[in-house]
Each structure stands twice: as C-alpha cells, then as structure tokens.
Amino acid sequence: MDFRQHLSDSLNEITEYIQDGGNRGGDSENTVLRLEVLYEAALINGDIPLDAVDLINQARTHLNVNLHQQEPFRGYEAPAVSEAGRRGRPKFAISEKQLLFFRENNFTYKDMALMLGVSKRTIENRMAEYELTNKSLYSDIEDDFLDSLIQRIMTNFPRSGK
C-alpha cells in the first residue's frame, strides 16, 4: 500500500472515531499521537502538499486543545529583531544559511514562507538582501551553442513548438 492510501485510510478512521464522540473503545490521546505521527510522516514525504500537511497538524492541535484545554501548538516563527531607531514592524531574523538550505532542497518561496511563519514577500526580500537569486537555475551557455541546440532539435523534431 502506498503512503497516500495509508494516509487516507488512517485519516478516515480518525474522522470516524471523532464523529462517534470517541466512544469506539479507542483512546483520545492515542488519536492525537496518531495524528502527530501522520503529520510528521506527511511532512517528510515529498508527495503530500504542504497545505494538506498543515491541515493534519491543525486537526491534531485542535483535538489536543479540546481534550486537554491546553494552549495550541504554534509552529516555528522566525524571531523578530528590533533595531534601535528603526520605525515600523521589527525585521524577521532569517539567516542566509536557512535560505540556502531551503533553496538547495528545492523549496519554493511559498513553502519557505509557510515553514518560517512569514510572508512570501519577506522571503523574496531576504533572498535579494543576501543576493541569492535564482540565476543558478539557468545555464550560462553561449548564444551560438544555444542556436545550434535549437537547430538540432528542429531538425530532429520538425513539428516541435507548433
């Protein structure tokens, strides 16, 4: 059974358990623990969208709060750094090392922002501040070489691009 199917089956069982009011002989704390394990596994698995992973975490948090009346779990948020004499909101402390790690692991700006608890625009600003552009995604081949590659493709595949 693939992970997506296992995740779906597990979430359906948990949903049924919650809808039954937790009266099916299961333990509510085990349900919270099960959601936590599913959340971590889904986070590690690259095929599960981050929005779905976030929903699993939200379900775990709400169930845990309802069961124990505790403060909800808060995800990581980049710390704010106040600069003396600077007006406006404090700047978020996001290191170049963090951004390099995310970029090397092919995270999008949206994913980075979600994981760091900041806006996508903040990520864009820090990338520009550290001069971490996406130029590394592009090749720096010469125009003549590119022209010859395109000519070869057009010769071998005359209908490409139509």
N, C-alpha and C. Protein backbone atom coordinates (compact mmCIF):
# COMPACT_ATOMS: atom_id res chain seq x y z
N MET A 1 0.85 -1.17 0.00
CA MET A 1 0.00 0.00 0.00
C MET A 1 0.90 1.24 0.00
N ASP A 2 0.58 2.19 -0.87
CA ASP A 2 1.41 3.40 -0.92
C ASP A 2 1.04 4.35 0.22
N PHE A 3 1.89 5.32 0.44
CA PHE A 3 1.73 6.21 1.59
C PHE A 3 0.45 7.03 1.51
N ARG A 4 0.11 7.49 0.31
CA ARG A 4 -1.11 8.30 0.18
C ARG A 4 -2.34 7.51 0.60
N GLN A 5 -2.40 6.24 0.20
CA GLN A 5 -3.55 5.40 0.55
C GLN A 5 -3.57 5.16 2.06
N HIS A 6 -2.40 4.89 2.64
CA HIS A 6 -2.31 4.68 4.09
C HIS A 6 -2.75 5.94 4.83
N LEU A 7 -2.31 7.09 4.36
CA LEU A 7 -2.68 8.36 4.98
C LEU A 7 -4.19 8.57 4.90
N SER A 8 -4.75 8.32 3.73
CA SER A 8 -6.19 8.48 3.55
C SER A 8 -6.98 7.55 4.46
N ASP A 9 -6.59 6.26 4.51
CA ASP A 9 -7.28 5.29 5.36
C ASP A 9 -7.18 5.68 6.83
N SER A 10 -6.01 6.10 7.26
CA SER A 10 -5.81 6.48 8.66
C SER A 10 -6.64 7.70 9.02
N LEU A 11 -6.66 8.69 8.13
CA LEU A 11 -7.45 9.90 8.41
C LEU A 11 -8.95 9.59 8.43
N ASN A 12 -9.40 8.66 7.58
CA ASN A 12 -10.81 8.25 7.61
C ASN A 12 -11.16 7.57 8.92
N GLU A 13 -10.28 6.70 9.42
CA GLU A 13 -10.51 6.04 10.71
C GLU A 13 -10.57 7.06 11.84
N ILE A 14 -9.67 8.01 11.82
CA ILE A 14 -9.64 9.05 12.86
C ILE A 14 -10.91 9.90 12.79
N THR A 15 -11.35 10.23 11.57
CA THR A 15 -12.57 11.01 11.40
C THR A 15 -13.77 10.27 11.97
N GLU A 16 -13.87 8.97 11.68
CA GLU A 16 -14.97 8.16 12.21
C GLU A 16 -14.92 8.12 13.74
N TYR A 17 -13.74 7.98 14.29
CA TYR A 17 -13.57 7.94 15.74
C TYR A 17 -14.06 9.24 16.37
N ILE A 18 -13.69 10.37 15.77
CA ILE A 18 -14.09 11.67 16.31
C ILE A 18 -15.59 11.87 16.16
N GLN A 19 -16.15 11.46 15.01
CA GLN A 19 -17.59 11.62 14.79
C GLN A 19 -18.41 10.77 15.75
N ASP A 20 -17.86 9.63 16.17
CA ASP A 20 -18.54 8.77 17.15
C ASP A 20 -18.38 9.31 18.56
N GLY A 21 -17.74 10.43 18.70
CA GLY A 21 -17.55 11.02 20.02
C GLY A 21 -16.47 10.34 20.82
N GLY A 22 -15.61 9.59 20.17
CA GLY A 22 -14.53 8.91 20.88
C GLY A 22 -15.00 7.73 21.69
N ASN A 23 -16.19 7.18 21.35
CA ASN A 23 -16.77 6.09 22.15
C ASN A 23 -16.58 4.71 21.54
N ARG A 24 -15.66 4.55 20.63
CA ARG A 24 -15.48 3.26 19.98
C ARG A 24 -14.40 2.43 20.64
N GLY A 25 -14.09 2.69 21.86
CA GLY A 25 -13.10 1.88 22.55
C GLY A 25 -11.68 2.35 22.34
N GLY A 26 -11.48 3.43 21.61
CA GLY A 26 -10.14 3.94 21.39
C GLY A 26 -9.79 4.98 22.44
N ASP A 27 -8.57 5.35 22.47
CA ASP A 27 -8.10 6.34 23.43
C ASP A 27 -7.88 7.65 22.69
N SER A 28 -8.44 8.73 23.20
CA SER A 28 -8.32 10.04 22.54
C SER A 28 -6.87 10.50 22.47
N GLU A 29 -6.10 10.22 23.51
CA GLU A 29 -4.69 10.62 23.49
C GLU A 29 -3.93 9.87 22.41
N ASN A 30 -4.29 8.61 22.19
CA ASN A 30 -3.66 7.85 21.11
C ASN A 30 -4.03 8.42 19.75
N THR A 31 -5.24 8.96 19.64
CA THR A 31 -5.65 9.59 18.38
C THR A 31 -4.81 10.83 18.11
N VAL A 32 -4.56 11.61 19.15
CA VAL A 32 -3.70 12.79 19.00
C VAL A 32 -2.30 12.35 18.59
N LEU A 33 -1.79 11.32 19.25
CA LEU A 33 -0.46 10.80 18.93
C LEU A 33 -0.42 10.27 17.50
N ARG A 34 -1.46 9.59 17.09
CA ARG A 34 -1.53 9.05 15.72
C ARG A 34 -1.52 10.19 14.69
N LEU A 35 -2.27 11.25 14.98
CA LEU A 35 -2.26 12.41 14.08
C LEU A 35 -0.88 13.05 14.03
N GLU A 36 -0.20 13.08 15.16
CA GLU A 36 1.15 13.65 15.19
C GLU A 36 2.11 12.84 14.32
N VAL A 37 2.01 11.50 14.42
CA VAL A 37 2.86 10.63 13.61
C VAL A 37 2.54 10.80 12.13
N LEU A 38 1.25 10.87 11.80
CA LEU A 38 0.85 11.07 10.40
C LEU A 38 1.34 12.42 9.89
N TYR A 39 1.26 13.44 10.73
CA TYR A 39 1.74 14.78 10.36
C TYR A 39 3.22 14.73 10.03
N GLU A 40 4.02 14.12 10.90
CA GLU A 40 5.46 14.07 10.67
C GLU A 40 5.80 13.25 9.43
N ALA A 41 5.10 12.13 9.24
CA ALA A 41 5.36 11.30 8.07
C ALA A 41 4.97 12.03 6.79
N ALA A 42 3.85 12.75 6.82
CA ALA A 42 3.40 13.50 5.64
C ALA A 42 4.35 14.65 5.34
N LEU A 43 4.90 15.25 6.39
CA LEU A 43 5.85 16.35 6.20
C LEU A 43 7.12 15.86 5.54
N ILE A 44 7.58 14.69 5.93
CA ILE A 44 8.80 14.11 5.36
C ILE A 44 8.56 13.65 3.93
N ASN A 45 7.37 13.11 3.67
CA ASN A 45 7.03 12.61 2.34
C ASN A 45 6.86 13.78 1.39
N GLY A 46 7.61 13.80 0.32
CA GLY A 46 7.58 14.92 -0.62
C GLY A 46 6.35 14.99 -1.50
N ASP A 47 5.53 13.92 -1.53
CA ASP A 47 4.38 13.89 -2.43
C ASP A 47 3.12 14.52 -1.84
N ILE A 48 3.14 14.82 -0.56
CA ILE A 48 1.96 15.36 0.09
C ILE A 48 2.06 16.89 0.10
N PRO A 49 1.05 17.59 -0.45
CA PRO A 49 1.11 19.05 -0.47
C PRO A 49 1.20 19.63 0.95
N LEU A 50 1.92 20.72 1.09
CA LEU A 50 2.11 21.33 2.41
C LEU A 50 0.79 21.81 3.01
N ASP A 51 -0.18 22.19 2.17
CA ASP A 51 -1.48 22.59 2.69
C ASP A 51 -2.15 21.42 3.40
N ALA A 52 -2.04 20.21 2.83
CA ALA A 52 -2.62 19.03 3.46
C ALA A 52 -1.89 18.70 4.76
N VAL A 53 -0.58 18.83 4.75
CA VAL A 53 0.22 18.58 5.96
C VAL A 53 -0.20 19.56 7.05
N ASP A 54 -0.39 20.82 6.67
CA ASP A 54 -0.81 21.83 7.64
C ASP A 54 -2.19 21.52 8.21
N LEU A 55 -3.10 21.01 7.39
CA LEU A 55 -4.43 20.65 7.87
C LEU A 55 -4.36 19.50 8.88
N ILE A 56 -3.49 18.53 8.64
CA ILE A 56 -3.31 17.43 9.60
C ILE A 56 -2.82 17.99 10.92
N ASN A 57 -1.86 18.90 10.85
CA ASN A 57 -1.33 19.50 12.08
C ASN A 57 -2.40 20.31 12.80
N GLN A 58 -3.22 21.04 12.05
CA GLN A 58 -4.29 21.81 12.67
C GLN A 58 -5.30 20.89 13.36
N ALA A 59 -5.63 19.77 12.71
CA ALA A 59 -6.55 18.81 13.33
C ALA A 59 -5.97 18.27 14.62
N ARG A 60 -4.70 17.93 14.61
CA ARG A 60 -4.03 17.43 15.81
C ARG A 60 -4.06 18.47 16.92
N THR A 61 -3.76 19.70 16.54
CA THR A 61 -3.74 20.79 17.53
C THR A 61 -5.11 21.00 18.15
N HIS A 62 -6.15 21.08 17.31
CA HIS A 62 -7.50 21.31 17.82
C HIS A 62 -7.98 20.17 18.70
N LEU A 63 -7.70 18.94 18.29
CA LEU A 63 -8.11 17.79 19.09
C LEU A 63 -7.39 17.80 20.43
N ASN A 64 -6.12 18.11 20.41
CA ASN A 64 -5.34 18.16 21.65
C ASN A 64 -5.85 19.26 22.57
N VAL A 65 -6.17 20.41 22.01
CA VAL A 65 -6.69 21.53 22.81
C VAL A 65 -8.04 21.16 23.42
N ASN A 66 -8.90 20.56 22.61
CA ASN A 66 -10.22 20.18 23.11
C ASN A 66 -10.14 19.12 24.20
N LEU A 67 -9.19 18.23 24.08
CA LEU A 67 -9.06 17.16 25.07
C LEU A 67 -8.42 17.64 26.36
N HIS A 68 -7.46 18.50 26.26
CA HIS A 68 -6.65 18.86 27.43
C HIS A 68 -6.78 20.32 27.82
N GLN A 69 -7.51 21.10 27.03
CA GLN A 69 -7.65 22.53 27.30
C GLN A 69 -6.30 23.19 27.49
N GLN A 70 -5.36 22.84 26.61
CA GLN A 70 -4.02 23.42 26.65
C GLN A 70 -3.91 24.50 25.59
N GLU A 71 -2.84 25.25 25.69
CA GLU A 71 -2.54 26.22 24.65
C GLU A 71 -2.25 25.47 23.36
N PRO A 72 -2.73 25.95 22.22
CA PRO A 72 -2.47 25.25 20.96
C PRO A 72 -0.99 25.30 20.58
N PHE A 73 -0.58 24.26 19.89
CA PHE A 73 0.79 24.18 19.37
C PHE A 73 0.98 25.28 18.34
N ARG A 74 2.06 25.99 18.44
CA ARG A 74 2.38 27.02 17.46
C ARG A 74 3.61 26.58 16.70
N GLY A 75 3.52 26.66 15.41
CA GLY A 75 4.65 26.28 14.58
C GLY A 75 5.80 27.27 14.73
N TYR A 76 6.88 26.96 14.08
CA TYR A 76 8.06 27.83 14.13
C TYR A 76 7.72 29.18 13.53
N GLU A 77 8.15 30.21 14.17
CA GLU A 77 8.04 31.56 13.63
C GLU A 77 9.41 32.21 13.73
N ALA A 78 9.84 32.80 12.66
CA ALA A 78 11.14 33.47 12.66
C ALA A 78 11.13 34.56 13.72
N PRO A 79 12.18 34.63 14.54
CA PRO A 79 12.21 35.66 15.58
C PRO A 79 12.34 37.05 14.97
N ALA A 80 11.75 38.01 15.66
CA ALA A 80 11.83 39.40 15.21
C ALA A 80 13.03 40.07 15.86
N VAL A 81 13.71 40.89 15.09
CA VAL A 81 14.88 41.61 15.59
C VAL A 81 14.55 43.09 15.57
N SER A 82 14.55 43.71 16.74
CA SER A 82 14.26 45.14 16.78
C SER A 82 15.57 45.91 16.62
N GLU A 83 15.54 46.88 15.77
CA GLU A 83 16.71 47.71 15.53
C GLU A 83 16.42 49.09 16.09
N ALA A 84 17.28 49.57 16.96
CA ALA A 84 17.07 50.87 17.60
C ALA A 84 16.97 51.97 16.54
N GLY A 85 15.97 52.81 16.70
CA GLY A 85 15.81 53.92 15.78
C GLY A 85 15.06 53.58 14.51
N ARG A 86 14.75 52.31 14.30
CA ARG A 86 14.04 51.90 13.09
C ARG A 86 12.54 51.94 13.36
N ARG A 87 11.79 52.55 12.46
CA ARG A 87 10.35 52.64 12.62
C ARG A 87 9.68 51.46 11.95
N GLY A 88 8.46 51.18 12.38
CA GLY A 88 7.68 50.12 11.77
C GLY A 88 7.88 48.79 12.48
N ARG A 89 7.40 47.75 11.81
CA ARG A 89 7.50 46.41 12.39
C ARG A 89 8.94 45.97 12.48
N PRO A 90 9.25 45.15 13.48
CA PRO A 90 10.62 44.62 13.57
C PRO A 90 10.90 43.68 12.40
N LYS A 91 12.14 43.59 12.03
CA LYS A 91 12.57 42.74 10.94
C LYS A 91 12.68 41.29 11.44
N PHE A 92 12.27 40.33 10.63
CA PHE A 92 12.39 38.93 11.00
C PHE A 92 13.83 38.47 10.80
N ALA A 93 14.33 37.71 11.75
CA ALA A 93 15.70 37.19 11.67
C ALA A 93 15.69 35.88 10.90
N ILE A 94 16.00 35.95 9.63
CA ILE A 94 16.08 34.77 8.77
C ILE A 94 17.49 34.74 8.22
N SER A 95 18.21 33.68 8.54
CA SER A 95 19.63 33.64 8.16
C SER A 95 19.81 33.20 6.71
N GLU A 96 20.94 33.58 6.18
CA GLU A 96 21.31 33.16 4.83
C GLU A 96 21.42 31.64 4.77
N LYS A 97 21.91 31.05 5.85
CA LYS A 97 22.07 29.59 5.91
C LYS A 97 20.72 28.89 5.78
N GLN A 98 19.69 29.42 6.45
CA GLN A 98 18.35 28.84 6.34
C GLN A 98 17.86 28.89 4.90
N LEU A 99 18.01 30.04 4.27
CA LEU A 99 17.53 30.21 2.90
C LEU A 99 18.29 29.32 1.93
N LEU A 100 19.60 29.19 2.14
CA LEU A 100 20.40 28.31 1.28
C LEU A 100 19.94 26.86 1.42
N PHE A 101 19.66 26.44 2.65
CA PHE A 101 19.19 25.07 2.87
C PHE A 101 17.89 24.83 2.11
N PHE A 102 16.93 25.76 2.26
CA PHE A 102 15.65 25.61 1.57
C PHE A 102 15.84 25.59 0.06
N ARG A 103 16.67 26.49 -0.45
CA ARG A 103 16.88 26.56 -1.89
C ARG A 103 17.55 25.29 -2.41
N GLU A 104 18.56 24.78 -1.68
CA GLU A 104 19.25 23.56 -2.11
C GLU A 104 18.31 22.37 -2.12
N ASN A 105 17.26 22.40 -1.31
CA ASN A 105 16.29 21.32 -1.26
C ASN A 105 15.04 21.61 -2.07
N ASN A 106 15.16 22.58 -2.98
CA ASN A 106 14.13 22.90 -3.98
C ASN A 106 12.78 23.31 -3.39
N PHE A 107 12.80 24.02 -2.25
CA PHE A 107 11.56 24.56 -1.71
C PHE A 107 11.23 25.85 -2.45
N THR A 108 9.95 26.08 -2.66
CA THR A 108 9.51 27.32 -3.29
C THR A 108 9.49 28.43 -2.24
N TYR A 109 9.39 29.67 -2.71
CA TYR A 109 9.30 30.79 -1.78
C TYR A 109 8.07 30.63 -0.89
N LYS A 110 6.98 30.15 -1.47
CA LYS A 110 5.75 29.95 -0.70
C LYS A 110 5.97 28.92 0.41
N ASP A 111 6.64 27.81 0.08
CA ASP A 111 6.92 26.79 1.09
C ASP A 111 7.82 27.34 2.20
N MET A 112 8.84 28.09 1.80
CA MET A 112 9.75 28.68 2.79
C MET A 112 8.98 29.59 3.74
N ALA A 113 8.12 30.43 3.17
CA ALA A 113 7.34 31.37 3.98
C ALA A 113 6.44 30.62 4.96
N LEU A 114 5.81 29.56 4.49
CA LEU A 114 4.93 28.77 5.34
C LEU A 114 5.70 28.15 6.50
N MET A 115 6.87 27.61 6.22
CA MET A 115 7.66 26.95 7.27
C MET A 115 8.27 27.94 8.26
N LEU A 116 8.58 29.14 7.80
CA LEU A 116 9.20 30.13 8.68
C LEU A 116 8.18 31.06 9.34
N GLY A 117 6.91 30.95 8.95
CA GLY A 117 5.88 31.78 9.56
C GLY A 117 5.95 33.23 9.16
N VAL A 118 6.38 33.48 7.92
CA VAL A 118 6.47 34.85 7.40
C VAL A 118 5.78 34.90 6.05
N SER A 119 5.70 36.08 5.47
CA SER A 119 5.08 36.21 4.15
C SER A 119 6.07 35.84 3.05
N LYS A 120 5.50 35.53 1.89
CA LYS A 120 6.33 35.22 0.72
C LYS A 120 7.19 36.43 0.36
N ARG A 121 6.64 37.61 0.53
CA ARG A 121 7.38 38.84 0.22
C ARG A 121 8.60 38.99 1.13
N THR A 122 8.48 38.59 2.39
CA THR A 122 9.63 38.64 3.31
C THR A 122 10.74 37.72 2.81
N ILE A 123 10.36 36.54 2.32
CA ILE A 123 11.36 35.61 1.78
C ILE A 123 12.03 36.24 0.56
N GLU A 124 11.23 36.84 -0.32
CA GLU A 124 11.80 37.49 -1.51
C GLU A 124 12.77 38.60 -1.11
N ASN A 125 12.39 39.37 -0.10
CA ASN A 125 13.27 40.46 0.37
C ASN A 125 14.59 39.91 0.92
N ARG A 126 14.53 38.85 1.72
CA ARG A 126 15.76 38.28 2.29
C ARG A 126 16.64 37.65 1.20
N MET A 127 16.01 37.01 0.22
CA MET A 127 16.78 36.43 -0.88
C MET A 127 17.53 37.54 -1.62
N ALA A 128 16.87 38.66 -1.84
CA ALA A 128 17.52 39.79 -2.50
C ALA A 128 18.60 40.39 -1.61
N GLU A 129 18.31 40.48 -0.32
CA GLU A 129 19.28 41.04 0.64
C GLU A 129 20.57 40.23 0.66
N TYR A 130 20.45 38.91 0.61
CA TYR A 130 21.63 38.04 0.63
C TYR A 130 22.15 37.75 -0.78
N GLU A 131 21.54 38.40 -1.78
CA GLU A 131 21.91 38.21 -3.19
C GLU A 131 21.83 36.74 -3.60
N LEU A 132 20.76 36.09 -3.16
CA LEU A 132 20.50 34.69 -3.51
C LEU A 132 19.43 34.65 -4.59
N THR A 133 19.82 34.96 -5.79
CA THR A 133 18.87 34.97 -6.89
C THR A 133 18.72 33.56 -7.43
N ASN A 134 17.78 33.41 -8.33
CA ASN A 134 17.56 32.11 -8.96
C ASN A 134 18.39 31.95 -10.21
N LYS A 135 19.43 32.76 -10.37
CA LYS A 135 20.27 32.66 -11.56
C LYS A 135 20.94 31.30 -11.66
N SER A 136 21.13 30.64 -10.52
CA SER A 136 21.77 29.33 -10.55
C SER A 136 20.89 28.30 -11.25
N LEU A 137 19.61 28.63 -11.44
CA LEU A 137 18.71 27.71 -12.12
C LEU A 137 18.88 27.77 -13.64
N TYR A 138 19.59 28.78 -14.11
CA TYR A 138 19.75 28.98 -15.54
C TYR A 138 21.18 28.64 -15.96
N SER A 139 21.29 28.22 -17.20
CA SER A 139 22.59 27.89 -17.76
C SER A 139 23.20 29.15 -18.35
N ASP A 140 24.52 29.23 -18.36
CA ASP A 140 25.17 30.38 -18.97
C ASP A 140 25.92 29.96 -20.24
N ILE A 141 25.18 29.22 -21.11
CA ILE A 141 25.79 28.80 -22.37
C ILE A 141 25.79 29.98 -23.34
N GLU A 142 26.65 29.90 -24.32
CA GLU A 142 26.78 30.96 -25.33
C GLU A 142 25.60 30.90 -26.30
N ASP A 143 25.29 32.04 -26.90
CA ASP A 143 24.18 32.13 -27.84
C ASP A 143 24.37 31.19 -29.04
N ASP A 144 25.58 31.12 -29.57
CA ASP A 144 25.84 30.26 -30.73
C ASP A 144 25.56 28.80 -30.40
N PHE A 145 25.97 28.37 -29.21
CA PHE A 145 25.74 26.98 -28.80
C PHE A 145 24.25 26.72 -28.63
N LEU A 146 23.54 27.68 -28.05
CA LEU A 146 22.09 27.55 -27.88
C LEU A 146 21.41 27.47 -29.25
N ASP A 147 21.84 28.32 -30.19
CA ASP A 147 21.27 28.28 -31.54
C ASP A 147 21.48 26.92 -32.19
N SER A 148 22.67 26.34 -32.01
CA SER A 148 22.94 25.03 -32.62
C SER A 148 22.08 23.94 -31.97
N LEU A 149 21.85 24.04 -30.66
CA LEU A 149 20.98 23.06 -29.99
C LEU A 149 19.55 23.16 -30.51
N ILE A 150 19.06 24.36 -30.66
CA ILE A 150 17.70 24.56 -31.15
C ILE A 150 17.59 24.07 -32.59
N GLN A 151 18.61 24.35 -33.39
CA GLN A 151 18.61 23.89 -34.79
C GLN A 151 18.56 22.36 -34.85
N ARG A 152 19.32 21.71 -33.98
CA ARG A 152 19.35 20.25 -33.95
C ARG A 152 17.97 19.70 -33.53
N ILE A 153 17.34 20.33 -32.55
CA ILE A 153 16.01 19.89 -32.12
C ILE A 153 15.01 20.07 -33.25
N MET A 154 15.06 21.21 -33.92
CA MET A 154 14.12 21.47 -35.02
C MET A 154 14.34 20.52 -36.18
N THR A 155 15.59 20.09 -36.40
CA THR A 155 15.87 19.13 -37.47
C THR A 155 15.32 17.76 -37.11
N ASN A 156 15.54 17.33 -35.87
CA ASN A 156 15.09 16.01 -35.43
C ASN A 156 13.59 15.96 -35.14
N PHE A 157 13.03 17.07 -34.73
CA PHE A 157 11.61 17.12 -34.38
C PHE A 157 10.98 18.35 -35.03
N PRO A 158 10.72 18.29 -36.35
CA PRO A 158 10.28 19.47 -37.09
C PRO A 158 8.94 20.05 -36.60
N ARG A 159 8.11 19.27 -35.95
CA ARG A 159 6.81 19.76 -35.51
C ARG A 159 6.84 20.29 -34.07
N SER A 160 8.00 20.27 -33.43
CA SER A 160 8.05 20.75 -32.04
C SER A 160 7.84 22.26 -32.01
N GLY A 161 7.09 22.70 -31.02
CA GLY A 161 6.81 24.12 -30.88
C GLY A 161 5.58 24.57 -31.65
N LYS A 162 4.92 23.65 -32.34
CA LYS A 162 3.72 24.03 -33.12
C LYS A 162 2.48 23.67 -32.37
